[in-house]
Amino acid sequence: MALIALAPYIKQAKVKKAIDRAITYLSKQQQAEGGFGSWGTVNSESCAQVICALTACCVNPNTDKRFVKNGKSVLDKLLTYQLPDGSFCHGKNSGSNLMATEQSLYALAAVKRAEQGESGL
């Protein structure tokens, strides 16, 4: 979320340096299957927030090699949480979750807007 807030100021040298360090950190925190976690669990919301941060900083979360692990991107991992009805679950083997769905759809909108060259969310 901090990257999203800083992204509009990326042209400032100190901000760019902080963003670059944060992106490097995120890449190192990414799990082998492409996901991200918080509080000890890999989950959809963590993936969604990373996707939003990356798109805000003009980093493609689906193709940037720093965010593709073992052939799987963070976007690939996010989509594994989608349920047959279109909603998203928080973690594996859990049911539909409103927050997970809301954040996942928000992240997908961020990717779509970035792909179309539109302004960030």
PDB file of N, CA and C in Angstrom:
ATOM      1  N   MET A   1       0.823  -1.187   0.000  1.00  0.00           N
ATOM      2  CA  MET A   1       0.000   0.000   0.000  1.00  0.00           C
ATOM      3  C   MET A   1       0.873   1.259   0.000  1.00  0.00           C
ATOM      4  N   ALA A   2       2.024   1.188   0.638  1.00  0.00           N
ATOM      5  CA  ALA A   2       2.937   2.329   0.640  1.00  0.00           C
ATOM      6  C   ALA A   2       3.430   2.618  -0.775  1.00  0.00           C
ATOM      7  N   LEU A   3       3.676   1.575  -1.559  1.00  0.00           N
ATOM      8  CA  LEU A   3       4.118   1.789  -2.943  1.00  0.00           C
ATOM      9  C   LEU A   3       3.041   2.487  -3.766  1.00  0.00           C
ATOM     10  N   ILE A   4       1.803   2.143  -3.529  1.00  0.00           N
ATOM     11  CA  ILE A   4       0.701   2.791  -4.242  1.00  0.00           C
ATOM     12  C   ILE A   4       0.687   4.282  -3.916  1.00  0.00           C
ATOM     13  N   ALA A   5       0.907   4.612  -2.655  1.00  0.00           N
ATOM     14  CA  ALA A   5       0.922   6.012  -2.231  1.00  0.00           C
ATOM     15  C   ALA A   5       2.123   6.768  -2.791  1.00  0.00           C
ATOM     16  N   LEU A   6       3.261   6.094  -2.910  1.00  0.00           N
ATOM     17  CA  LEU A   6       4.474   6.745  -3.396  1.00  0.00           C
ATOM     18  C   LEU A   6       4.553   6.846  -4.922  1.00  0.00           C
ATOM     19  N   ALA A   7       3.861   5.986  -5.616  1.00  0.00           N
ATOM     20  CA  ALA A   7       3.985   5.892  -7.072  1.00  0.00           C
ATOM     21  C   ALA A   7       3.841   7.229  -7.822  1.00  0.00           C
ATOM     22  N   PRO A   8       2.908   8.090  -7.459  1.00  0.00           N
ATOM     23  CA  PRO A   8       2.797   9.361  -8.195  1.00  0.00           C
ATOM     24  C   PRO A   8       4.039  10.254  -8.090  1.00  0.00           C
ATOM     25  N   TYR A   9       4.919   9.959  -7.150  1.00  0.00           N
ATOM     26  CA  TYR A   9       6.115  10.781  -6.925  1.00  0.00           C
ATOM     27  C   TYR A   9       7.392  10.092  -7.370  1.00  0.00           C
ATOM     28  N   ILE A  10       7.255   9.086  -8.222  1.00  0.00           N
ATOM     29  CA  ILE A  10       8.389   8.247  -8.620  1.00  0.00           C
ATOM     30  C   ILE A  10       9.494   9.030  -9.333  1.00  0.00           C
ATOM     31  N   LYS A  11       9.176  10.177  -9.894  1.00  0.00           N
ATOM     32  CA  LYS A  11      10.202  10.968 -10.594  1.00  0.00           C
ATOM     33  C   LYS A  11      11.155  11.665  -9.625  1.00  0.00           C
ATOM     34  N   GLN A  12      10.798  11.723  -8.361  1.00  0.00           N
ATOM     35  CA  GLN A  12      11.703  12.287  -7.361  1.00  0.00           C
ATOM     36  C   GLN A  12      12.753  11.234  -7.021  1.00  0.00           C
ATOM     37  N   ALA A  13      14.004  11.612  -7.063  1.00  0.00           N
ATOM     38  CA  ALA A  13      15.111  10.661  -6.912  1.00  0.00           C
ATOM     39  C   ALA A  13      15.010   9.820  -5.641  1.00  0.00           C
ATOM     40  N   LYS A  14      14.743  10.443  -4.520  1.00  0.00           N
ATOM     41  CA  LYS A  14      14.672   9.696  -3.257  1.00  0.00           C
ATOM     42  C   LYS A  14      13.491   8.734  -3.256  1.00  0.00           C
ATOM     43  N   VAL A  15      12.394   9.140  -3.840  1.00  0.00           N
ATOM     44  CA  VAL A  15      11.217   8.264  -3.912  1.00  0.00           C
ATOM     45  C   VAL A  15      11.503   7.095  -4.835  1.00  0.00           C
ATOM     46  N   LYS A  16      12.105   7.370  -5.985  1.00  0.00           N
ATOM     47  CA  LYS A  16      12.442   6.292  -6.927  1.00  0.00           C
ATOM     48  C   LYS A  16      13.351   5.266  -6.268  1.00  0.00           C
ATOM     49  N   LYS A  17      14.326   5.746  -5.514  1.00  0.00           N
ATOM     50  CA  LYS A  17      15.249   4.830  -4.829  1.00  0.00           C
ATOM     51  C   LYS A  17      14.484   3.956  -3.828  1.00  0.00           C
ATOM     52  N   ALA A  18      13.589   4.551  -3.067  1.00  0.00           N
ATOM     53  CA  ALA A  18      12.794   3.790  -2.088  1.00  0.00           C
ATOM     54  C   ALA A  18      11.894   2.782  -2.790  1.00  0.00           C
ATOM     55  N   ILE A  19      11.275   3.182  -3.884  1.00  0.00           N
ATOM     56  CA  ILE A  19      10.401   2.281  -4.638  1.00  0.00           C
ATOM     57  C   ILE A  19      11.208   1.113  -5.202  1.00  0.00           C
ATOM     58  N   ASP A  20      12.357   1.404  -5.763  1.00  0.00           N
ATOM     59  CA  ASP A  20      13.199   0.339  -6.318  1.00  0.00           C
ATOM     60  C   ASP A  20      13.610  -0.664  -5.244  1.00  0.00           C
ATOM     61  N   ARG A  21      13.952  -0.165  -4.061  1.00  0.00           N
ATOM     62  CA  ARG A  21      14.321  -1.066  -2.953  1.00  0.00           C
ATOM     63  C   ARG A  21      13.126  -1.908  -2.524  1.00  0.00           C
ATOM     64  N   ALA A  22      11.958  -1.293  -2.474  1.00  0.00           N
ATOM     65  CA  ALA A  22      10.751  -2.019  -2.065  1.00  0.00           C
ATOM     66  C   ALA A  22      10.385  -3.095  -3.088  1.00  0.00           C
ATOM     67  N   ILE A  23      10.529  -2.777  -4.361  1.00  0.00           N
ATOM     68  CA  ILE A  23      10.227  -3.761  -5.407  1.00  0.00           C
ATOM     69  C   ILE A  23      11.197  -4.932  -5.325  1.00  0.00           C
ATOM     70  N   THR A  24      12.465  -4.653  -5.087  1.00  0.00           N
ATOM     71  CA  THR A  24      13.456  -5.724  -4.909  1.00  0.00           C
ATOM     72  C   THR A  24      13.086  -6.593  -3.704  1.00  0.00           C
ATOM     73  N   TYR A  25      12.685  -5.954  -2.616  1.00  0.00           N
ATOM     74  CA  TYR A  25      12.271  -6.685  -1.420  1.00  0.00           C
ATOM     75  C   TYR A  25      11.071  -7.581  -1.731  1.00  0.00           C
ATOM     76  N   LEU A  26      10.069  -7.029  -2.394  1.00  0.00           N
ATOM     77  CA  LEU A  26       8.881  -7.827  -2.724  1.00  0.00           C
ATOM     78  C   LEU A  26       9.247  -9.035  -3.577  1.00  0.00           C
ATOM     79  N   SER A  27      10.114  -8.832  -4.547  1.00  0.00           N
ATOM     80  CA  SER A  27      10.524  -9.944  -5.402  1.00  0.00           C
ATOM     81  C   SER A  27      11.154 -11.062  -4.569  1.00  0.00           C
ATOM     82  N   LYS A  28      11.958 -10.690  -3.585  1.00  0.00           N
ATOM     83  CA  LYS A  28      12.604 -11.689  -2.733  1.00  0.00           C
ATOM     84  C   LYS A  28      11.609 -12.384  -1.805  1.00  0.00           C
ATOM     85  N   GLN A  29      10.505 -11.726  -1.485  1.00  0.00           N
ATOM     86  CA  GLN A  29       9.499 -12.303  -0.588  1.00  0.00           C
ATOM     87  C   GLN A  29       8.518 -13.220  -1.314  1.00  0.00           C
ATOM     88  N   GLN A  30       8.521 -13.162  -2.638  1.00  0.00           N
ATOM     89  CA  GLN A  30       7.573 -13.960  -3.401  1.00  0.00           C
ATOM     90  C   GLN A  30       7.846 -15.450  -3.213  1.00  0.00           C
ATOM     91  N   GLN A  31       6.797 -16.205  -3.027  1.00  0.00           N
ATOM     92  CA  GLN A  31       6.886 -17.652  -2.839  1.00  0.00           C
ATOM     93  C   GLN A  31       7.227 -18.348  -4.161  1.00  0.00           C
ATOM     94  N   ALA A  32       7.700 -19.550  -4.084  1.00  0.00           N
ATOM     95  CA  ALA A  32       8.116 -20.314  -5.260  1.00  0.00           C
ATOM     96  C   ALA A  32       6.978 -20.534  -6.249  1.00  0.00           C
ATOM     97  N   GLU A  33       5.726 -20.581  -5.770  1.00  0.00           N
ATOM     98  CA  GLU A  33       4.584 -20.796  -6.664  1.00  0.00           C
ATOM     99  C   GLU A  33       3.979 -19.487  -7.157  1.00  0.00           C
ATOM    100  N   GLY A  34       4.653 -18.356  -6.870  1.00  0.00           N
ATOM    101  CA  GLY A  34       4.208 -17.062  -7.381  1.00  0.00           C
ATOM    102  C   GLY A  34       3.440 -16.207  -6.399  1.00  0.00           C
ATOM    103  N   GLY A  35       3.046 -16.770  -5.270  1.00  0.00           N
ATOM    104  CA  GLY A  35       2.195 -16.042  -4.335  1.00  0.00           C
ATOM    105  C   GLY A  35       2.933 -15.230  -3.291  1.00  0.00           C
ATOM    106  N   PHE A  36       2.146 -14.542  -2.497  1.00  0.00           N
ATOM    107  CA  PHE A  36       2.638 -13.746  -1.378  1.00  0.00           C
ATOM    108  C   PHE A  36       1.777 -14.050  -0.173  1.00  0.00           C
ATOM    109  N   GLY A  37       2.342 -13.830   0.995  1.00  0.00           N
ATOM    110  CA  GLY A  37       1.586 -14.107   2.195  1.00  0.00           C
ATOM    111  C   GLY A  37       1.749 -13.042   3.248  1.00  0.00           C
ATOM    112  N   SER A  38       0.907 -13.147   4.240  1.00  0.00           N
ATOM    113  CA  SER A  38       1.005 -12.303   5.422  1.00  0.00           C
ATOM    114  C   SER A  38       0.488 -13.108   6.603  1.00  0.00           C
ATOM    115  N   TRP A  39       0.996 -12.789   7.767  1.00  0.00           N
ATOM    116  CA  TRP A  39       0.587 -13.475   8.982  1.00  0.00           C
ATOM    117  C   TRP A  39       0.739 -14.997   8.860  1.00  0.00           C
ATOM    118  N   GLY A  40       1.801 -15.411   8.134  1.00  0.00           N
ATOM    119  CA  GLY A  40       2.114 -16.831   8.047  1.00  0.00           C
ATOM    120  C   GLY A  40       1.330 -17.623   7.025  1.00  0.00           C
ATOM    121  N   THR A  41       0.548 -16.962   6.204  1.00  0.00           N
ATOM    122  CA  THR A  41      -0.265 -17.692   5.230  1.00  0.00           C
ATOM    123  C   THR A  41      -0.233 -17.005   3.865  1.00  0.00           C
ATOM    124  N   VAL A  42      -0.047 -17.778   2.827  1.00  0.00           N
ATOM    125  CA  VAL A  42      -0.140 -17.249   1.472  1.00  0.00           C
ATOM    126  C   VAL A  42      -1.622 -17.048   1.196  1.00  0.00           C
ATOM    127  N   ASN A  43      -1.978 -15.880   0.669  1.00  0.00           N
ATOM    128  CA  ASN A  43      -3.400 -15.580   0.495  1.00  0.00           C
ATOM    129  C   ASN A  43      -3.648 -14.644  -0.676  1.00  0.00           C
ATOM    130  N   SER A  44      -4.892 -14.599  -1.094  1.00  0.00           N
ATOM    131  CA  SER A  44      -5.270 -13.807  -2.259  1.00  0.00           C
ATOM    132  C   SER A  44      -5.093 -12.317  -2.034  1.00  0.00           C
ATOM    133  N   GLU A  45      -5.408 -11.836  -0.838  1.00  0.00           N
ATOM    134  CA  GLU A  45      -5.308 -10.395  -0.593  1.00  0.00           C
ATOM    135  C   GLU A  45      -3.868  -9.896  -0.690  1.00  0.00           C
ATOM    136  N   SER A  46      -2.919 -10.687  -0.208  1.00  0.00           N
ATOM    137  CA  SER A  46      -1.510 -10.298  -0.317  1.00  0.00           C
ATOM    138  C   SER A  46      -1.088 -10.245  -1.784  1.00  0.00           C
ATOM    139  N   CYS A  47      -1.517 -11.223  -2.561  1.00  0.00           N
ATOM    140  CA  CYS A  47      -1.231 -11.199  -3.999  1.00  0.00           C
ATOM    141  C   CYS A  47      -1.847  -9.967  -4.643  1.00  0.00           C
ATOM    142  N   ALA A  48      -3.088  -9.672  -4.295  1.00  0.00           N
ATOM    143  CA  ALA A  48      -3.796  -8.530  -4.877  1.00  0.00           C
ATOM    144  C   ALA A  48      -3.091  -7.215  -4.554  1.00  0.00           C
ATOM    145  N   GLN A  49      -2.649  -7.050  -3.324  1.00  0.00           N
ATOM    146  CA  GLN A  49      -1.986  -5.800  -2.941  1.00  0.00           C
ATOM    147  C   GLN A  49      -0.653  -5.640  -3.665  1.00  0.00           C
ATOM    148  N   VAL A  50       0.081  -6.731  -3.842  1.00  0.00           N
ATOM    149  CA  VAL A  50       1.344  -6.658  -4.589  1.00  0.00           C
ATOM    150  C   VAL A  50       1.060  -6.286  -6.041  1.00  0.00           C
ATOM    151  N   ILE A  51       0.051  -6.879  -6.636  1.00  0.00           N
ATOM    152  CA  ILE A  51      -0.311  -6.548  -8.022  1.00  0.00           C
ATOM    153  C   ILE A  51      -0.644  -5.071  -8.141  1.00  0.00           C
ATOM    154  N   CYS A  52      -1.432  -4.548  -7.226  1.00  0.00           N
ATOM    155  CA  CYS A  52      -1.798  -3.124  -7.267  1.00  0.00           C
ATOM    156  C   CYS A  52      -0.558  -2.238  -7.110  1.00  0.00           C
ATOM    157  N   ALA A  53       0.341  -2.618  -6.209  1.00  0.00           N
ATOM    158  CA  ALA A  53       1.567  -1.848  -6.008  1.00  0.00           C
ATOM    159  C   ALA A  53       2.434  -1.859  -7.257  1.00  0.00           C
ATOM    160  N   LEU A  54       2.595  -3.024  -7.849  1.00  0.00           N
ATOM    161  CA  LEU A  54       3.439  -3.126  -9.043  1.00  0.00           C
ATOM    162  C   LEU A  54       2.863  -2.330 -10.209  1.00  0.00           C
ATOM    163  N   THR A  55       1.575  -2.457 -10.448  1.00  0.00           N
ATOM    164  CA  THR A  55       0.983  -1.705 -11.566  1.00  0.00           C
ATOM    165  C   THR A  55       1.079  -0.204 -11.323  1.00  0.00           C
ATOM    166  N   ALA A  56       0.927   0.223 -10.072  1.00  0.00           N
ATOM    167  CA  ALA A  56       1.048   1.649  -9.754  1.00  0.00           C
ATOM    168  C   ALA A  56       2.450   2.166 -10.071  1.00  0.00           C
ATOM    169  N   CYS A  57       3.447   1.270  -9.959  1.00  0.00           N
ATOM    170  CA  CYS A  57       4.844   1.629 -10.217  1.00  0.00           C
ATOM    171  C   CYS A  57       5.289   1.249 -11.627  1.00  0.00           C
ATOM    172  N   CYS A  58       4.332   0.973 -12.497  1.00  0.00           N
ATOM    173  CA  CYS A  58       4.597   0.636 -13.906  1.00  0.00           C
ATOM    174  C   CYS A  58       5.422  -0.640 -14.079  1.00  0.00           C
ATOM    175  N   VAL A  59       5.197  -1.598 -13.194  1.00  0.00           N
ATOM    176  CA  VAL A  59       5.832  -2.912 -13.297  1.00  0.00           C
ATOM    177  C   VAL A  59       4.728  -3.901 -13.652  1.00  0.00           C
ATOM    178  N   ASN A  60       4.934  -4.667 -14.713  1.00  0.00           N
ATOM    179  CA  ASN A  60       3.929  -5.636 -15.129  1.00  0.00           C
ATOM    180  C   ASN A  60       4.033  -6.881 -14.244  1.00  0.00           C
ATOM    181  N   PRO A  61       3.023  -7.137 -13.400  1.00  0.00           N
ATOM    182  CA  PRO A  61       3.099  -8.262 -12.473  1.00  0.00           C
ATOM    183  C   PRO A  61       2.991  -9.626 -13.143  1.00  0.00           C
ATOM    184  N   ASN A  62       2.620  -9.630 -14.400  1.00  0.00           N
ATOM    185  CA  ASN A  62       2.449 -10.902 -15.105  1.00  0.00           C
ATOM    186  C   ASN A  62       3.666 -11.283 -15.935  1.00  0.00           C
ATOM    187  N   THR A  63       4.463 -10.292 -16.322  1.00  0.00           N
ATOM    188  CA  THR A  63       5.581 -10.593 -17.219  1.00  0.00           C
ATOM    189  C   THR A  63       6.951 -10.166 -16.701  1.00  0.00           C
ATOM    190  N   ASP A  64       7.005  -9.298 -15.708  1.00  0.00           N
ATOM    191  CA  ASP A  64       8.293  -8.851 -15.195  1.00  0.00           C
ATOM    192  C   ASP A  64       9.002 -10.051 -14.561  1.00  0.00           C
ATOM    193  N   LYS A  65      10.200 -10.346 -15.041  1.00  0.00           N
ATOM    194  CA  LYS A  65      10.901 -11.562 -14.609  1.00  0.00           C
ATOM    195  C   LYS A  65      11.162 -11.604 -13.105  1.00  0.00           C
ATOM    196  N   ARG A  66      11.169 -10.449 -12.453  1.00  0.00           N
ATOM    197  CA  ARG A  66      11.368 -10.436 -10.999  1.00  0.00           C
ATOM    198  C   ARG A  66      10.164 -11.020 -10.261  1.00  0.00           C
ATOM    199  N   PHE A  67       9.019 -11.084 -10.942  1.00  0.00           N
ATOM    200  CA  PHE A  67       7.792 -11.545 -10.298  1.00  0.00           C
ATOM    201  C   PHE A  67       7.185 -12.770 -10.967  1.00  0.00           C
ATOM    202  N   VAL A  68       8.051 -13.527 -11.638  1.00  0.00           N
ATOM    203  CA  VAL A  68       7.659 -14.823 -12.199  1.00  0.00           C
ATOM    204  C   VAL A  68       8.609 -15.856 -11.604  1.00  0.00           C
ATOM    205  N   LYS A  69       8.044 -16.718 -10.784  1.00  0.00           N
ATOM    206  CA  LYS A  69       8.840 -17.751 -10.116  1.00  0.00           C
ATOM    207  C   LYS A  69       8.390 -19.119 -10.613  1.00  0.00           C
ATOM    208  N   ASN A  70       9.336 -19.908 -11.091  1.00  0.00           N
ATOM    209  CA  ASN A  70       9.033 -21.250 -11.602  1.00  0.00           C
ATOM    210  C   ASN A  70       7.917 -21.207 -12.646  1.00  0.00           C
ATOM    211  N   GLY A  71       7.950 -20.183 -13.479  1.00  0.00           N
ATOM    212  CA  GLY A  71       6.969 -20.046 -14.551  1.00  0.00           C
ATOM    213  C   GLY A  71       5.615 -19.501 -14.118  1.00  0.00           C
ATOM    214  N   LYS A  72       5.471 -19.138 -12.843  1.00  0.00           N
ATOM    215  CA  LYS A  72       4.188 -18.648 -12.320  1.00  0.00           C
ATOM    216  C   LYS A  72       4.335 -17.215 -11.822  1.00  0.00           C
ATOM    217  N   SER A  73       3.464 -16.349 -12.305  1.00  0.00           N
ATOM    218  CA  SER A  73       3.471 -14.954 -11.863  1.00  0.00           C
ATOM    219  C   SER A  73       2.549 -14.774 -10.667  1.00  0.00           C
ATOM    220  N   VAL A  74       2.641 -13.637 -10.046  1.00  0.00           N
ATOM    221  CA  VAL A  74       1.739 -13.318  -8.941  1.00  0.00           C
ATOM    222  C   VAL A  74       0.292 -13.264  -9.441  1.00  0.00           C
ATOM    223  N   LEU A  75       0.096 -12.853 -10.686  1.00  0.00           N
ATOM    224  CA  LEU A  75      -1.252 -12.854 -11.256  1.00  0.00           C
ATOM    225  C   LEU A  75      -1.755 -14.288 -11.427  1.00  0.00           C
ATOM    226  N   ASP A  76      -0.890 -15.172 -11.895  1.00  0.00           N
ATOM    227  CA  ASP A  76      -1.264 -16.590 -11.994  1.00  0.00           C
ATOM    228  C   ASP A  76      -1.714 -17.116 -10.639  1.00  0.00           C
ATOM    229  N   LYS A  77      -0.943 -16.781  -9.602  1.00  0.00           N
ATOM    230  CA  LYS A  77      -1.279 -17.264  -8.257  1.00  0.00           C
ATOM    231  C   LYS A  77      -2.605 -16.680  -7.783  1.00  0.00           C
ATOM    232  N   LEU A  78      -2.823 -15.392  -8.022  1.00  0.00           N
ATOM    233  CA  LEU A  78      -4.085 -14.779  -7.610  1.00  0.00           C
ATOM    234  C   LEU A  78      -5.268 -15.527  -8.216  1.00  0.00           C
ATOM    235  N   LEU A  79      -5.165 -15.877  -9.470  1.00  0.00           N
ATOM    236  CA  LEU A  79      -6.287 -16.531 -10.148  1.00  0.00           C
ATOM    237  C   LEU A  79      -6.568 -17.937  -9.619  1.00  0.00           C
ATOM    238  N   THR A  80      -5.612 -18.527  -8.898  1.00  0.00           N
ATOM    239  CA  THR A  80      -5.881 -19.847  -8.303  1.00  0.00           C
ATOM    240  C   THR A  80      -6.864 -19.743  -7.147  1.00  0.00           C
ATOM    241  N   TYR A  81      -7.090 -18.557  -6.651  1.00  0.00           N
ATOM    242  CA  TYR A  81      -8.032 -18.347  -5.554  1.00  0.00           C
ATOM    243  C   TYR A  81      -9.452 -18.073  -6.055  1.00  0.00           C
ATOM    244  N   GLN A  82      -9.627 -17.982  -7.359  1.00  0.00           N
ATOM    245  CA  GLN A  82     -10.958 -17.714  -7.889  1.00  0.00           C
ATOM    246  C   GLN A  82     -11.805 -18.983  -7.838  1.00  0.00           C
ATOM    247  N   LEU A  83     -13.018 -18.819  -7.363  1.00  0.00           N
ATOM    248  CA  LEU A  83     -13.955 -19.930  -7.223  1.00  0.00           C
ATOM    249  C   LEU A  83     -14.844 -20.025  -8.463  1.00  0.00           C
ATOM    250  N   PRO A  84     -15.514 -21.155  -8.668  1.00  0.00           N
ATOM    251  CA  PRO A  84     -16.343 -21.332  -9.860  1.00  0.00           C
ATOM    252  C   PRO A  84     -17.411 -20.242 -10.070  1.00  0.00           C
ATOM    253  N   ASP A  85     -17.887 -19.638  -8.987  1.00  0.00           N
ATOM    254  CA  ASP A  85     -18.907 -18.592  -9.140  1.00  0.00           C
ATOM    255  C   ASP A  85     -18.314 -17.221  -9.446  1.00  0.00           C
ATOM    256  N   GLY A  86     -16.976 -17.136  -9.571  1.00  0.00           N
ATOM    257  CA  GLY A  86     -16.310 -15.877  -9.889  1.00  0.00           C
ATOM    258  C   GLY A  86     -15.779 -15.148  -8.670  1.00  0.00           C
ATOM    259  N   SER A  87     -16.216 -15.534  -7.485  1.00  0.00           N
ATOM    260  CA  SER A  87     -15.713 -14.897  -6.271  1.00  0.00           C
ATOM    261  C   SER A  87     -14.327 -15.456  -5.956  1.00  0.00           C
ATOM    262  N   PHE A  88     -13.701 -14.907  -4.935  1.00  0.00           N
ATOM    263  CA  PHE A  88     -12.362 -15.341  -4.539  1.00  0.00           C
ATOM    264  C   PHE A  88     -12.377 -15.768  -3.078  1.00  0.00           C
ATOM    265  N   CYS A  89     -11.490 -16.694  -2.742  1.00  0.00           N
ATOM    266  CA  CYS A  89     -11.328 -17.116  -1.358  1.00  0.00           C
ATOM    267  C   CYS A  89     -10.051 -16.485  -0.802  1.00  0.00           C
ATOM    268  N   HIS A  90      -9.964 -16.448   0.509  1.00  0.00           N
ATOM    269  CA  HIS A  90      -8.793 -15.880   1.187  1.00  0.00           C
ATOM    270  C   HIS A  90      -7.584 -16.796   1.028  1.00  0.00           C
ATOM    271  N   GLY A  91      -7.756 -18.046   1.382  1.00  0.00           N
ATOM    272  CA  GLY A  91      -6.676 -19.030   1.311  1.00  0.00           C
ATOM    273  C   GLY A  91      -7.194 -20.310   0.690  1.00  0.00           C
ATOM    274  N   LYS A  92      -6.289 -21.185   0.408  1.00  0.00           N
ATOM    275  CA  LYS A  92      -6.682 -22.455  -0.197  1.00  0.00           C
ATOM    276  C   LYS A  92      -7.676 -23.197   0.677  1.00  0.00           C
ATOM    277  N   ASN A  93      -8.626 -23.854   0.020  1.00  0.00           N
ATOM    278  CA  ASN A  93      -9.642 -24.672   0.682  1.00  0.00           C
ATOM    279  C   ASN A  93     -10.537 -23.882   1.631  1.00  0.00           C
ATOM    280  N   SER A  94     -10.716 -22.606   1.326  1.00  0.00           N
ATOM    281  CA  SER A  94     -11.666 -21.810   2.103  1.00  0.00           C
ATOM    282  C   SER A  94     -12.751 -21.319   1.143  1.00  0.00           C
ATOM    283  N   GLY A  95     -13.868 -20.935   1.684  1.00  0.00           N
ATOM    284  CA  GLY A  95     -14.991 -20.510   0.854  1.00  0.00           C
ATOM    285  C   GLY A  95     -14.870 -19.072   0.401  1.00  0.00           C
ATOM    286  N   SER A  96     -15.869 -18.656  -0.308  1.00  0.00           N
ATOM    287  CA  SER A  96     -15.938 -17.297  -0.826  1.00  0.00           C
ATOM    288  C   SER A  96     -15.785 -16.285   0.309  1.00  0.00           C
ATOM    289  N   ASN A  97     -15.010 -15.250   0.042  1.00  0.00           N
ATOM    290  CA  ASN A  97     -14.715 -14.238   1.049  1.00  0.00           C
ATOM    291  C   ASN A  97     -14.885 -12.870   0.400  1.00  0.00           C
ATOM    292  N   LEU A  98     -15.695 -12.015   1.017  1.00  0.00           N
ATOM    293  CA  LEU A  98     -15.993 -10.709   0.429  1.00  0.00           C
ATOM    294  C   LEU A  98     -14.745  -9.849   0.279  1.00  0.00           C
ATOM    295  N   MET A  99     -13.900  -9.779   1.313  1.00  0.00           N
ATOM    296  CA  MET A  99     -12.698  -8.954   1.209  1.00  0.00           C
ATOM    297  C   MET A  99     -11.757  -9.495   0.145  1.00  0.00           C
ATOM    298  N   ALA A 100     -11.600 -10.802   0.094  1.00  0.00           N
ATOM    299  CA  ALA A 100     -10.735 -11.419  -0.907  1.00  0.00           C
ATOM    300  C   ALA A 100     -11.259 -11.120  -2.310  1.00  0.00           C
ATOM    301  N   THR A 101     -12.556 -11.213  -2.488  1.00  0.00           N
ATOM    302  CA  THR A 101     -13.158 -10.939  -3.795  1.00  0.00           C
ATOM    303  C   THR A 101     -12.975  -9.483  -4.183  1.00  0.00           C
ATOM    304  N   GLU A 102     -13.254  -8.593  -3.257  1.00  0.00           N
ATOM    305  CA  GLU A 102     -13.139  -7.162  -3.524  1.00  0.00           C
ATOM    306  C   GLU A 102     -11.705  -6.790  -3.911  1.00  0.00           C
ATOM    307  N   GLN A 103     -10.739  -7.240  -3.133  1.00  0.00           N
ATOM    308  CA  GLN A 103      -9.350  -6.896  -3.424  1.00  0.00           C
ATOM    309  C   GLN A 103      -8.842  -7.568  -4.688  1.00  0.00           C
ATOM    310  N   SER A 104      -9.260  -8.787  -4.943  1.00  0.00           N
ATOM    311  CA  SER A 104      -8.830  -9.481  -6.158  1.00  0.00           C
ATOM    312  C   SER A 104      -9.380  -8.806  -7.409  1.00  0.00           C
ATOM    313  N   LEU A 105     -10.638  -8.422  -7.372  1.00  0.00           N
ATOM    314  CA  LEU A 105     -11.220  -7.728  -8.526  1.00  0.00           C
ATOM    315  C   LEU A 105     -10.573  -6.369  -8.736  1.00  0.00           C
ATOM    316  N   TYR A 106     -10.247  -5.696  -7.649  1.00  0.00           N
ATOM    317  CA  TYR A 106      -9.543  -4.418  -7.708  1.00  0.00           C
ATOM    318  C   TYR A 106      -8.185  -4.610  -8.393  1.00  0.00           C
ATOM    319  N   ALA A 107      -7.482  -5.672  -8.026  1.00  0.00           N
ATOM    320  CA  ALA A 107      -6.181  -5.959  -8.629  1.00  0.00           C
ATOM    321  C   ALA A 107      -6.318  -6.285 -10.115  1.00  0.00           C
ATOM    322  N   LEU A 108      -7.338  -7.061 -10.466  1.00  0.00           N
ATOM    323  CA  LEU A 108      -7.556  -7.372 -11.882  1.00  0.00           C
ATOM    324  C   LEU A 108      -7.883  -6.115 -12.677  1.00  0.00           C
ATOM    325  N   ALA A 109      -8.624  -5.198 -12.082  1.00  0.00           N
ATOM    326  CA  ALA A 109      -8.910  -3.923 -12.743  1.00  0.00           C
ATOM    327  C   ALA A 109      -7.620  -3.123 -12.932  1.00  0.00           C
ATOM    328  N   ALA A 110      -6.725  -3.169 -11.951  1.00  0.00           N
ATOM    329  CA  ALA A 110      -5.448  -2.463 -12.062  1.00  0.00           C
ATOM    330  C   ALA A 110      -4.622  -3.008 -13.222  1.00  0.00           C
ATOM    331  N   VAL A 111      -4.608  -4.329 -13.362  1.00  0.00           N
ATOM    332  CA  VAL A 111      -3.865  -4.961 -14.466  1.00  0.00           C
ATOM    333  C   VAL A 111      -4.473  -4.554 -15.802  1.00  0.00           C
ATOM    334  N   LYS A 112      -5.771  -4.622 -15.907  1.00  0.00           N
ATOM    335  CA  LYS A 112      -6.465  -4.272 -17.157  1.00  0.00           C
ATOM    336  C   LYS A 112      -6.177  -2.822 -17.538  1.00  0.00           C
ATOM    337  N   ARG A 113      -6.291  -1.916 -16.567  1.00  0.00           N
ATOM    338  CA  ARG A 113      -6.040  -0.505 -16.840  1.00  0.00           C
ATOM    339  C   ARG A 113      -4.585  -0.291 -17.286  1.00  0.00           C
ATOM    340  N   ALA A 114      -3.647  -0.963 -16.635  1.00  0.00           N
ATOM    341  CA  ALA A 114      -2.236  -0.828 -17.008  1.00  0.00           C
ATOM    342  C   ALA A 114      -1.993  -1.353 -18.421  1.00  0.00           C
ATOM    343  N   GLU A 115      -2.602  -2.487 -18.750  1.00  0.00           N
ATOM    344  CA  GLU A 115      -2.434  -3.061 -20.083  1.00  0.00           C
ATOM    345  C   GLU A 115      -2.991  -2.146 -21.170  1.00  0.00           C
ATOM    346  N   GLN A 116      -4.027  -1.389 -20.821  1.00  0.00           N
ATOM    347  CA  GLN A 116      -4.645  -0.490 -21.784  1.00  0.00           C
ATOM    348  C   GLN A 116      -4.027   0.905 -21.775  1.00  0.00           C
ATOM    349  N   GLY A 117      -2.973   1.088 -20.977  1.00  0.00           N
ATOM    350  CA  GLY A 117      -2.304   2.377 -20.910  1.00  0.00           C
ATOM    351  C   GLY A 117      -3.098   3.448 -20.190  1.00  0.00           C
ATOM    352  N   GLU A 118      -4.044   3.018 -19.387  1.00  0.00           N
ATOM    353  CA  GLU A 118      -4.873   3.971 -18.652  1.00  0.00           C
ATOM    354  C   GLU A 118      -4.200   4.346 -17.334  1.00  0.00           C
ATOM    355  N   SER A 119      -4.676   5.419 -16.742  1.00  0.00           N
ATOM    356  CA  SER A 119      -4.122   5.865 -15.466  1.00  0.00           C
ATOM    357  C   SER A 119      -4.388   4.820 -14.395  1.00  0.00           C
ATOM    358  N   GLY A 120      -3.622   4.904 -13.336  1.00  0.00           N
ATOM    359  CA  GLY A 120      -3.772   3.960 -12.245  1.00  0.00           C
ATOM    360  C   GLY A 120      -5.093   4.119 -11.528  1.00  0.00           C
ATOM    361  N   LEU A 121      -5.343   3.195 -10.648  1.00  0.00           N
ATOM    362  CA  LEU A 121      -6.563   3.245  -9.876  1.00  0.00           C
ATOM    363  C   LEU A 121      -6.512   4.424  -8.942  1.00  0.00           C
TER     364      LEU A 121
END
